[in-house]
Protein backbone atom coordinates (compact mmCIF):
# COMPACT_ATOMS: atom_id res chain seq x y z
CA UNK A 1 11.21 -6.71 68.29
CA UNK A 2 8.69 -3.92 68.65
CA UNK A 3 9.47 -2.65 65.16
CA UNK A 4 8.98 -6.13 63.70
CA UNK A 5 5.61 -6.43 65.45
CA UNK A 6 4.50 -3.03 64.12
CA UNK A 7 5.52 -4.00 60.55
CA UNK A 8 3.53 -7.25 60.79
CA UNK A 9 0.47 -5.43 62.17
CA UNK A 10 0.66 -2.80 59.40
CA UNK A 11 0.96 -5.54 56.76
CA UNK A 12 -2.12 -7.29 58.16
CA UNK A 13 -4.07 -4.01 58.18
CA UNK A 14 -3.01 -3.25 54.57
CA UNK A 15 -4.05 -6.74 53.42
CA UNK A 16 -7.41 -6.37 55.20
CA UNK A 17 -8.01 -3.00 53.52
CA UNK A 18 -7.21 -4.44 50.07
CA UNK A 19 -9.60 -7.32 50.70
CA UNK A 20 -12.33 -4.93 51.87
CA UNK A 21 -11.86 -2.73 48.76
CA UNK A 22 -12.01 -5.75 46.44
CA UNK A 23 -15.26 -6.95 48.02
CA UNK A 24 -16.83 -3.48 47.94
CA UNK A 25 -15.96 -3.09 44.22
CA UNK A 26 -17.78 -6.30 43.43
CA UNK A 27 -20.88 -4.90 45.11
CA UNK A 28 -20.61 -1.46 43.46
CA UNK A 29 -20.57 -2.75 39.88
CA UNK A 30 -18.22 -1.25 37.28
CA UNK A 31 -15.07 0.58 38.32
CA UNK A 32 -15.55 4.26 39.11
CA UNK A 33 -13.39 6.83 37.35
CA UNK A 34 -11.41 9.48 39.14
CA UNK A 35 -12.47 13.10 38.60
CA UNK A 36 -9.55 13.78 36.26
CA UNK A 37 -10.31 10.78 34.00
CA UNK A 38 -12.55 11.24 30.97
CA UNK A 39 -16.05 9.89 31.05
CA UNK A 40 -16.47 6.36 29.72
CA UNK A 41 -18.09 6.17 26.30
CA UNK A 42 -19.19 3.15 24.31
CA UNK A 43 -16.99 2.04 21.42
CA UNK A 44 -18.86 1.48 18.18
CA UNK A 45 -17.51 -0.91 15.54
CA UNK A 46 -15.99 0.73 12.46
CA UNK A 47 -17.98 0.55 9.26
CA UNK A 48 -16.48 -1.82 6.72
CA UNK A 49 -14.94 -0.08 3.73
CA UNK A 50 -15.95 -1.31 0.36
CA UNK A 51 -13.53 -1.79 -2.48
CA UNK A 52 -13.99 0.33 -5.56
CA UNK A 53 -16.58 -1.18 -7.83
CA UNK A 54 -14.89 -2.93 -10.72
CA UNK A 55 -18.00 -3.80 -12.74
CA UNK A 56 -18.81 -0.22 -13.68
CA UNK A 57 -20.75 -0.02 -16.91
CA UNK A 58 -18.50 1.24 -19.68
CA UNK A 59 -19.75 4.06 -21.84
CA UNK A 60 -19.56 2.98 -25.49
CA UNK A 61 -19.10 6.52 -26.80
CA UNK A 62 -15.83 8.26 -26.07
CA UNK A 63 -16.39 12.03 -26.07
CA UNK A 64 -13.99 14.08 -28.16
CA UNK A 65 -11.10 15.88 -26.50
CA UNK A 66 -12.20 19.35 -25.50
CA UNK A 67 -10.04 22.15 -26.90
CA UNK A 68 -8.01 24.34 -24.60
CA UNK A 69 -4.77 24.73 -22.77
CA UNK A 70 -4.47 23.14 -19.32
CA UNK A 71 -1.97 25.78 -18.13
CA UNK A 72 -3.56 29.08 -19.16
CA UNK A 73 -5.80 30.64 -16.54
CA UNK A 74 -4.80 28.16 -13.81
CA UNK A 75 -3.21 29.32 -10.57
CA UNK A 76 -2.06 25.96 -9.17
CA UNK A 77 -0.97 22.54 -10.35
CA UNK A 78 -4.25 21.17 -8.96
CA UNK A 79 -6.19 23.59 -11.18
CA UNK A 80 -4.23 22.39 -14.20
CA UNK A 81 -5.02 18.78 -13.31
CA UNK A 82 -8.72 19.69 -13.00
CA UNK A 83 -8.52 21.26 -16.48
CA UNK A 84 -6.83 18.08 -17.76
CA UNK A 85 -9.60 15.93 -16.25
CA UNK A 86 -12.29 18.08 -17.89
CA UNK A 87 -10.47 18.16 -21.23
CA UNK A 88 -10.23 14.35 -21.45
CA UNK A 89 -13.59 13.59 -19.73
CA UNK A 90 -11.98 12.00 -16.65
CA UNK A 91 -13.75 11.81 -13.31
CA UNK A 92 -10.53 12.47 -11.40
CA UNK A 93 -6.79 12.62 -12.12
CA UNK A 94 -4.13 12.06 -9.46
CA UNK A 95 -0.35 12.04 -9.62
CA UNK A 96 1.38 9.85 -7.04
CA UNK A 97 4.99 9.12 -6.24
CA UNK A 98 6.20 5.59 -6.89
CA UNK A 99 6.05 4.85 -3.15
CA UNK A 100 2.37 5.81 -2.89
CA UNK A 101 2.40 9.42 -1.68
CA UNK A 102 -0.04 11.91 -3.14
CA UNK A 103 1.85 14.38 -5.34
CA UNK A 104 -1.01 16.39 -6.86
CA UNK A 105 -4.66 15.81 -7.69
CA UNK A 106 -7.57 17.29 -9.57
CA UNK A 107 -9.61 16.81 -6.40
CA UNK A 108 -11.97 14.13 -5.26
CA UNK A 109 -12.48 12.17 -2.09
CA UNK A 110 -10.33 9.18 -2.98
CA UNK A 111 -7.08 10.88 -4.05
CA UNK A 112 -5.02 9.74 -1.04
CA UNK A 113 -6.36 6.20 -1.18
CA UNK A 114 -5.86 6.01 -4.94
CA UNK A 115 -2.28 7.23 -4.61
CA UNK A 116 -1.40 4.63 -1.99
CA UNK A 117 -3.22 1.71 -3.59
CA UNK A 118 -2.55 2.15 -7.28
CA UNK A 119 1.05 3.40 -7.08
CA UNK A 120 1.93 0.19 -5.23
CA UNK A 121 -0.05 -1.82 -7.79
CA UNK A 122 1.74 -0.09 -10.67
CA UNK A 123 5.15 -0.63 -9.02
CA UNK A 124 4.54 -4.36 -8.58
CA UNK A 125 2.87 -4.94 -11.96
CA UNK A 126 2.88 -2.03 -14.41
CA UNK A 127 -0.46 -2.68 -16.07
CA UNK A 128 -2.48 0.22 -17.31
CA UNK A 129 -5.96 -0.68 -16.10
CA UNK A 130 -7.65 -1.81 -12.94
CA UNK A 131 -11.45 -1.59 -13.13
CA UNK A 132 -12.38 2.06 -13.55
CA UNK A 133 -8.76 3.19 -13.13
CA UNK A 134 -6.22 3.90 -15.89
CA UNK A 135 -2.57 4.03 -14.78
CA UNK A 136 0.01 6.08 -16.67
CA UNK A 137 3.74 5.89 -15.95
CA UNK A 138 5.44 9.29 -15.71
CA UNK A 139 8.94 10.57 -14.99
CA UNK A 140 9.80 14.07 -13.81
CA UNK A 141 13.34 15.24 -13.00
CA UNK A 142 14.49 11.67 -12.45
CA UNK A 143 11.59 10.69 -10.17
CA UNK A 144 9.16 7.97 -11.15
CA UNK A 145 5.53 9.05 -10.82
CA UNK A 146 2.21 7.38 -11.56
CA UNK A 147 -0.74 9.14 -13.18
CA UNK A 148 -4.02 7.70 -11.90
CA UNK A 149 -7.06 8.51 -14.03
CA UNK A 150 -10.44 7.54 -12.60
CA UNK A 151 -13.00 7.14 -15.40
CA UNK A 152 -15.81 4.89 -16.57
CA UNK A 153 -14.72 5.29 -20.21
CA UNK A 154 -12.47 3.01 -22.21
CA UNK A 155 -9.41 5.15 -22.91
CA UNK A 156 -7.52 4.08 -26.07
CA UNK A 157 -3.71 3.99 -26.14
CA UNK A 158 -3.43 7.11 -28.30
CA UNK A 159 -5.48 9.16 -25.83
CA UNK A 160 -3.44 7.77 -22.91
CA UNK A 161 -0.32 8.98 -24.69
CA UNK A 162 -1.90 12.43 -25.10
CA UNK A 163 -2.83 12.54 -21.40
CA UNK A 164 0.75 11.55 -20.46
CA UNK A 165 2.20 14.29 -22.70
CA UNK A 166 -0.10 16.97 -21.26
CA UNK A 167 0.70 15.79 -17.75
CA UNK A 168 4.41 16.22 -18.53
CA UNK A 169 3.66 19.76 -19.72
CA UNK A 170 1.87 20.46 -16.43
CA UNK A 171 4.75 19.04 -14.37
CA UNK A 172 7.34 21.01 -16.35
CA UNK A 173 5.35 24.23 -15.97
CA UNK A 174 4.58 24.05 -12.25
CA UNK A 175 7.73 22.36 -10.93
């Protein structure tokens, strides 16, 4: 009987303490952090990303292909892709796997995004153009790859074929 009375008294005291803490928190304002918790910081909304501009003015004059070998003097596959981009007056050239992973790139800030977005687009509908992007289907050692050329120029079919052939040369040399 004494034990039961003590349990009831302890339960009443615990309930009273919880009620007191709840009322004191309402008066204090926001919840206080413990010493080991990081300081509260405001959360700012993320900036909205814009889609690549599709109404880029097209240059009417296609510059001639610059002479040179895209392998000689290069120390990496990325260097060869940079040389390819310069040779064919491309802003950027990226090779992606068919599932959207970046394989190699000539550089640029949008290589990862281009690989993910345009490889999936090419897999679902193998068209060769999307705004300022030219897509080129490639195969290397049984793997399907996608060449993604970012340019504001209209690239004719013959030049696309040349870019694809030189890209195959690069892949065969480096891999």
